[in-house]
Amino acid sequence: FFFGICFGAFQKFDSIVELLNLLYCMAALLEFAAFLYLRWRHPCWPRPYRVPLPLWGCCLLLLPTVLMTIVIIVLAGWRQKVTLLAVVLGSCILWPLLRLMKHNEWMEFNE
């Protein structure tokens, strides 16, 4: 949160909007990947809603959205791409650290 405020204080409004769009695009790609992974690995799990397509149909359904999301990422400015890369790498570092903290009970977690 503090990093976001400090970063936003030195940027133009359109740069902040572009960065937020990139972060949303990465979140959407992650959701799409999770959807396809769960359809592939656990096709019989109960779900809150039904998508009446096989796996290849789901891939075709998501293909235009994924391509447009990739276009948005490619067309972004280099500062936003560097920031996006830093966020992704930081998340990849913090996730195992969080699991280690939970495993060793260094902090109390509400589940």
Protein backbone atom coordinates (compact mmCIF):
# COMPACT_ATOMS: atom_id res chain seq x y z
CA PHE A 1 0.00 0.00 0.00
CA PHE A 2 2.77 2.41 0.95
CA PHE A 3 4.69 1.56 -2.24
CA GLY A 4 1.60 2.28 -4.31
CA ILE A 5 1.13 5.69 -2.73
CA CYS A 6 4.81 6.58 -3.17
CA PHE A 7 4.81 5.36 -6.75
CA GLY A 8 1.61 7.20 -7.60
CA ALA A 9 2.82 10.47 -6.14
CA PHE A 10 5.53 10.79 -8.80
CA GLN A 11 3.56 9.60 -11.84
CA LYS A 12 1.13 11.20 -14.22
CA PHE A 13 -2.50 10.14 -14.02
CA ASP A 14 -2.47 8.28 -17.34
CA SER A 15 0.63 6.32 -16.25
CA ILE A 16 -1.15 5.23 -13.09
CA VAL A 17 -4.22 4.16 -15.08
CA GLU A 18 -2.02 2.23 -17.52
CA LEU A 19 -0.25 0.45 -14.66
CA LEU A 20 -3.55 -0.47 -13.03
CA ASN A 21 -4.79 -1.84 -16.36
CA LEU A 22 -1.65 -3.97 -16.65
CA LEU A 23 -2.09 -5.32 -13.13
CA TYR A 24 -5.71 -6.15 -13.93
CA CYS A 25 -4.61 -7.88 -17.15
CA MET A 26 -2.15 -10.05 -15.23
CA ALA A 27 -4.84 -10.93 -12.68
CA ALA A 28 -7.24 -11.86 -15.50
CA LEU A 29 -4.61 -14.07 -17.18
CA LEU A 30 -3.99 -15.80 -13.85
CA GLU A 31 -7.72 -16.40 -13.40
CA PHE A 32 -8.03 -17.81 -16.91
CA ALA A 33 -5.06 -20.11 -16.32
CA ALA A 34 -6.57 -21.32 -13.04
CA PHE A 35 -9.92 -21.94 -14.75
CA LEU A 36 -8.32 -24.03 -17.49
CA TYR A 37 -6.06 -25.87 -15.04
CA LEU A 38 -8.99 -26.87 -12.84
CA ARG A 39 -11.02 -27.95 -15.86
CA TRP A 40 -8.11 -30.11 -16.99
CA ARG A 41 -6.96 -31.60 -13.66
CA HIS A 42 -10.26 -31.84 -11.78
CA PRO A 43 -13.12 -32.04 -14.29
CA CYS A 44 -15.54 -33.71 -11.85
CA TRP A 45 -15.24 -31.29 -8.94
CA PRO A 46 -18.46 -29.52 -8.02
CA ARG A 47 -18.56 -25.91 -9.21
CA PRO A 48 -20.84 -22.99 -8.36
CA TYR A 49 -21.73 -22.60 -12.04
CA ARG A 50 -21.58 -24.75 -15.16
CA VAL A 51 -19.75 -23.94 -18.39
CA PRO A 52 -21.20 -26.42 -20.90
CA LEU A 53 -18.02 -26.75 -22.98
CA PRO A 54 -15.20 -29.28 -23.10
CA LEU A 55 -11.66 -28.13 -22.34
CA TRP A 56 -10.88 -27.25 -25.96
CA GLY A 57 -14.10 -25.22 -26.12
CA CYS A 58 -13.10 -23.30 -23.01
CA CYS A 59 -9.72 -22.59 -24.60
CA LEU A 60 -11.44 -21.25 -27.72
CA LEU A 61 -13.81 -19.21 -25.57
CA LEU A 62 -10.93 -17.53 -23.74
CA LEU A 63 -8.64 -17.13 -26.75
CA PRO A 64 -9.88 -13.69 -27.96
CA THR A 65 -9.75 -12.26 -24.45
CA VAL A 66 -6.27 -13.64 -23.81
CA LEU A 67 -5.00 -12.28 -27.13
CA MET A 68 -6.42 -8.82 -26.42
CA THR A 69 -4.91 -8.88 -22.93
CA ILE A 70 -1.51 -9.75 -24.39
CA VAL A 71 -1.86 -6.88 -26.89
CA ILE A 72 -2.53 -4.48 -24.01
CA ILE A 73 0.57 -5.72 -22.20
CA VAL A 74 2.72 -5.43 -25.34
CA LEU A 75 1.54 -1.88 -26.07
CA ALA A 76 2.24 -0.64 -22.53
CA GLY A 77 5.07 1.72 -21.77
CA TRP A 78 8.41 0.40 -20.58
CA ARG A 79 8.05 1.89 -17.07
CA GLN A 80 4.77 0.09 -16.57
CA LYS A 81 6.26 -3.16 -17.87
CA VAL A 82 9.20 -2.87 -15.46
CA THR A 83 6.82 -2.17 -12.58
CA LEU A 84 4.62 -5.09 -13.61
CA LEU A 85 7.66 -7.36 -13.75
CA ALA A 86 8.72 -6.17 -10.29
CA VAL A 87 5.25 -6.91 -8.91
CA VAL A 88 5.20 -10.39 -10.45
CA LEU A 89 8.71 -11.23 -9.22
CA GLY A 90 7.95 -9.79 -5.80
CA SER A 91 4.84 -11.95 -5.60
CA CYS A 92 6.85 -15.04 -6.57
CA ILE A 93 9.25 -14.27 -3.72
CA LEU A 94 6.63 -13.38 -1.13
CA TRP A 95 4.39 -16.42 -1.69
CA PRO A 96 6.95 -19.04 -0.51
CA LEU A 97 7.92 -16.71 2.33
CA LEU A 98 4.29 -16.52 3.42
CA ARG A 99 3.97 -20.31 3.29
CA LEU A 100 7.16 -20.65 5.36
CA MET A 101 5.81 -18.21 7.95
CA LYS A 102 2.56 -20.15 8.14
CA HIS A 103 4.32 -23.53 8.37
CA ASN A 104 6.65 -22.38 11.16
CA GLU A 105 3.81 -20.52 12.91
CA TRP A 106 5.77 -17.27 13.00
CA MET A 107 2.47 -15.44 12.61
CA GLU A 108 -1.14 -16.25 13.35
CA PHE A 109 -3.29 -16.78 10.27
CA ASN A 110 -7.08 -16.70 10.14
CA GLU A 111 -8.52 -19.27 7.79
